[in-house]
């Protein structure tokens, strides 16, 4: 049986972070994971490989992982609606998977559905608190982007500061936090 893991991806904007899901083995599902992990830009060939993996007899974990990974490839290709659909499928089958919510939130940011993105990213953050969640900085960073787009600058700044407490030298968060002018009351 294959074992599923998740890989992350970052939006560029600095738009946010993504998480790919790892699938171990030698199937199209595993190849899909590798392409998502290694930064494939969402080539037609990579998406075909991932789509063919969905026709395999996969464990529920690997099927969920493959939906996340194909969603990442669609997102990189600029097809945010298809990526969103794959993330929604992953969430429906594994609602406790924070990585799916991070990517879902990123897709929602791209299609300018910021309040929904904040909800998805808040879910990822809440789920991540219950386990060792190495992608917490990415979840906070993406949520900061959504807050910023909604002009909730205080919340955006606070999320960026939290991300930096977890990963102090992270260039995207450092660059983003420098954009804010913080005034202290007298």
Protein backbone atom coordinates (compact mmCIF):
# COMPACT_ATOMS: atom_id res chain seq x y z
CA UNK A 1 0.00 0.00 0.00
CA UNK A 2 1.25 3.48 -0.81
CA UNK A 3 1.76 6.04 1.93
CA UNK A 4 0.58 9.61 1.32
CA UNK A 5 2.42 12.73 2.40
CA UNK A 6 1.85 16.37 1.50
CA UNK A 7 4.10 18.90 -0.19
CA UNK A 8 3.73 22.67 0.02
CA UNK A 9 3.92 25.38 -2.56
CA UNK A 10 4.25 29.16 -2.23
CA UNK A 11 2.36 31.83 -4.06
CA UNK A 12 4.63 34.45 -5.46
CA UNK A 13 3.61 38.07 -4.73
CA UNK A 14 4.68 37.42 -2.35
CA UNK A 15 1.37 35.53 -2.68
CA UNK A 16 1.39 32.50 -0.41
CA UNK A 17 2.48 29.02 0.26
CA UNK A 18 1.50 25.62 -1.10
CA UNK A 19 1.88 22.16 0.31
CA UNK A 20 2.37 19.11 -1.86
CA UNK A 21 1.37 15.73 -0.59
CA UNK A 22 3.92 12.96 -0.87
CA UNK A 23 2.93 9.63 -2.32
CA UNK A 24 5.52 6.89 -1.99
CA UNK A 25 5.87 4.11 -4.54
CA UNK A 26 6.37 3.95 -8.29
CA UNK A 27 3.00 4.95 -9.70
CA UNK A 28 1.68 7.98 -11.53
CA UNK A 29 0.51 9.21 -8.12
CA UNK A 30 4.09 9.19 -6.86
CA UNK A 31 5.28 10.88 -10.08
CA UNK A 32 2.58 13.51 -9.56
CA UNK A 33 3.90 14.21 -6.07
CA UNK A 34 7.48 14.53 -7.35
CA UNK A 35 6.42 17.01 -10.03
CA UNK A 36 4.49 19.10 -7.50
CA UNK A 37 7.35 18.95 -4.99
CA UNK A 38 10.03 19.81 -7.52
CA UNK A 39 8.27 22.89 -8.87
CA UNK A 40 6.84 21.70 -12.17
CA UNK A 41 5.06 24.76 -13.56
CA UNK A 42 1.89 22.83 -14.31
CA UNK A 43 2.88 21.43 -17.67
CA UNK A 44 0.26 19.58 -19.68
CA UNK A 45 2.30 16.37 -19.35
CA UNK A 46 2.49 16.67 -15.56
CA UNK A 47 -1.24 17.30 -15.29
CA UNK A 48 -1.94 14.29 -17.56
CA UNK A 49 0.22 12.11 -15.30
CA UNK A 50 -1.68 13.29 -12.24
CA UNK A 51 -5.05 12.85 -13.92
CA UNK A 52 -4.14 9.29 -14.92
CA UNK A 53 -3.17 8.62 -11.28
CA UNK A 54 -6.76 9.41 -10.29
CA UNK A 55 -7.83 6.36 -12.33
CA UNK A 56 -5.60 4.04 -10.28
CA UNK A 57 -6.73 1.99 -7.33
CA UNK A 58 -5.28 4.28 -4.66
CA UNK A 59 -5.65 4.23 -0.92
CA UNK A 60 -7.88 7.03 0.38
CA UNK A 61 -4.77 8.88 1.63
CA UNK A 62 -3.01 8.63 -1.73
CA UNK A 63 -6.14 9.69 -3.59
CA UNK A 64 -6.42 12.77 -1.35
CA UNK A 65 -2.71 13.50 -1.79
CA UNK A 66 -3.02 13.23 -5.56
CA UNK A 67 -5.92 15.69 -5.57
CA UNK A 68 -3.78 18.18 -3.60
CA UNK A 69 -0.82 17.67 -5.90
CA UNK A 70 -2.79 18.05 -9.13
CA UNK A 71 -4.39 21.13 -7.60
CA UNK A 72 -0.91 22.59 -7.09
CA UNK A 73 -0.02 21.92 -10.71
CA UNK A 74 -3.24 23.52 -11.94
CA UNK A 75 -2.56 26.50 -9.69
CA UNK A 76 0.95 26.90 -11.10
CA UNK A 77 -0.54 26.71 -14.59
CA UNK A 78 -2.90 29.53 -13.67
CA UNK A 79 -6.09 27.48 -13.68
CA UNK A 80 -7.26 28.44 -10.19
CA UNK A 81 -10.80 27.15 -10.61
CA UNK A 82 -9.61 23.63 -11.44
CA UNK A 83 -7.10 23.75 -8.61
CA UNK A 84 -9.86 24.87 -6.27
CA UNK A 85 -12.05 21.93 -7.30
CA UNK A 86 -9.26 19.44 -6.55
CA UNK A 87 -8.61 21.00 -3.15
CA UNK A 88 -12.32 20.85 -2.34
CA UNK A 89 -12.32 17.15 -3.25
CA UNK A 90 -9.28 16.56 -1.01
CA UNK A 91 -10.92 18.44 1.88
CA UNK A 92 -14.18 16.53 1.47
CA UNK A 93 -12.32 13.22 1.72
CA UNK A 94 -9.85 14.28 4.45
CA UNK A 95 -11.26 17.25 6.37
CA UNK A 96 -8.46 17.16 8.96
CA UNK A 97 -5.64 17.71 6.45
CA UNK A 98 -4.21 21.21 7.01
CA UNK A 99 -2.10 21.10 3.85
CA UNK A 100 -5.22 20.87 1.70
CA UNK A 101 -6.61 23.99 3.37
CA UNK A 102 -3.37 25.92 2.80
CA UNK A 103 -3.51 25.25 -0.91
CA UNK A 104 -7.24 25.87 -1.04
CA UNK A 105 -6.67 29.21 0.66
CA UNK A 106 -3.96 30.07 -1.89
CA UNK A 107 -6.30 29.30 -4.80
CA UNK A 108 -8.99 31.46 -3.19
CA UNK A 109 -6.52 34.34 -2.88
CA UNK A 110 -5.72 34.05 -6.57
CA UNK A 111 -9.41 34.27 -7.49
CA UNK A 112 -9.87 37.15 -5.04
CA UNK A 113 -12.19 35.36 -2.61
CA UNK A 114 -10.35 36.70 0.41
CA UNK A 115 -12.83 36.05 3.20
CA UNK A 116 -13.16 32.42 2.11
CA UNK A 117 -9.37 32.22 1.95
CA UNK A 118 -9.11 33.53 5.50
CA UNK A 119 -11.60 30.87 6.65
CA UNK A 120 -9.68 28.08 4.89
CA UNK A 121 -6.33 29.26 6.20
CA UNK A 122 -7.71 29.69 9.72
CA UNK A 123 -8.84 26.06 9.52
CA UNK A 124 -5.34 25.00 8.44
CA UNK A 125 -3.86 26.94 11.37
CA UNK A 126 -6.33 25.44 13.85
CA UNK A 127 -5.73 21.91 12.55
CA UNK A 128 -1.97 22.49 12.59
CA UNK A 129 -2.00 23.34 16.29
CA UNK A 130 -2.87 19.74 17.12
CA UNK A 131 0.23 18.23 15.54
CA UNK A 132 3.79 19.04 14.60
CA UNK A 133 2.90 21.17 11.60
CA UNK A 134 5.97 22.36 9.77
CA UNK A 135 3.97 24.49 7.33
CA UNK A 136 2.44 26.77 9.96
CA UNK A 137 4.53 29.74 8.75
CA UNK A 138 3.13 29.27 5.23
CA UNK A 139 -0.43 29.14 6.54
CA UNK A 140 0.11 32.33 8.53
CA UNK A 141 1.80 34.03 5.57
CA UNK A 142 -1.05 33.19 3.19
CA UNK A 143 -3.64 34.34 5.70
CA UNK A 144 -1.70 37.60 6.11
CA UNK A 145 -1.96 38.09 2.35
CA UNK A 146 -5.71 37.59 2.43
CA UNK A 147 -6.07 39.94 5.41
CA UNK A 148 -3.99 42.52 3.58
CA UNK A 149 -6.24 42.28 0.50
CA UNK A 150 -9.23 42.90 2.77
CA UNK A 151 -7.41 45.91 4.23
CA UNK A 152 -7.22 44.34 7.69
CA UNK A 153 -3.64 45.47 8.02
CA UNK A 154 -3.33 44.86 11.74
CA UNK A 155 -4.32 41.19 11.38
CA UNK A 156 -2.01 40.83 8.37
CA UNK A 157 0.91 42.32 10.27
CA UNK A 158 0.28 40.12 13.33
CA UNK A 159 0.19 36.95 11.18
CA UNK A 160 3.44 37.95 9.49
CA UNK A 161 5.07 38.54 12.88
CA UNK A 162 3.84 35.12 14.06
CA UNK A 163 5.23 33.49 10.92
CA UNK A 164 8.57 35.16 11.61
CA UNK A 165 8.66 33.89 15.18
CA UNK A 166 8.44 30.38 13.71
CA UNK A 167 10.86 31.02 10.83
CA UNK A 168 12.88 34.17 11.70
CA UNK A 169 14.96 34.48 8.53
CA UNK A 170 12.26 33.68 5.98
CA UNK A 171 12.77 36.14 3.10
CA UNK A 172 9.15 36.36 1.82
CA UNK A 173 7.78 37.13 5.29
CA UNK A 174 10.61 39.56 6.04
CA UNK A 175 9.93 41.42 2.79
CA UNK A 176 6.19 41.51 3.42
CA UNK A 177 6.43 42.71 7.03
CA UNK A 178 8.72 45.56 5.96
CA UNK A 179 5.86 47.00 3.91
CA UNK A 180 3.98 47.91 7.09
CA UNK A 181 4.46 51.14 9.02
CA UNK A 182 3.68 50.37 12.66
CA UNK A 183 2.87 53.27 14.93
CA UNK A 184 2.86 52.90 18.69
CA UNK A 185 0.41 54.91 20.78
CA UNK A 186 1.76 57.60 23.11
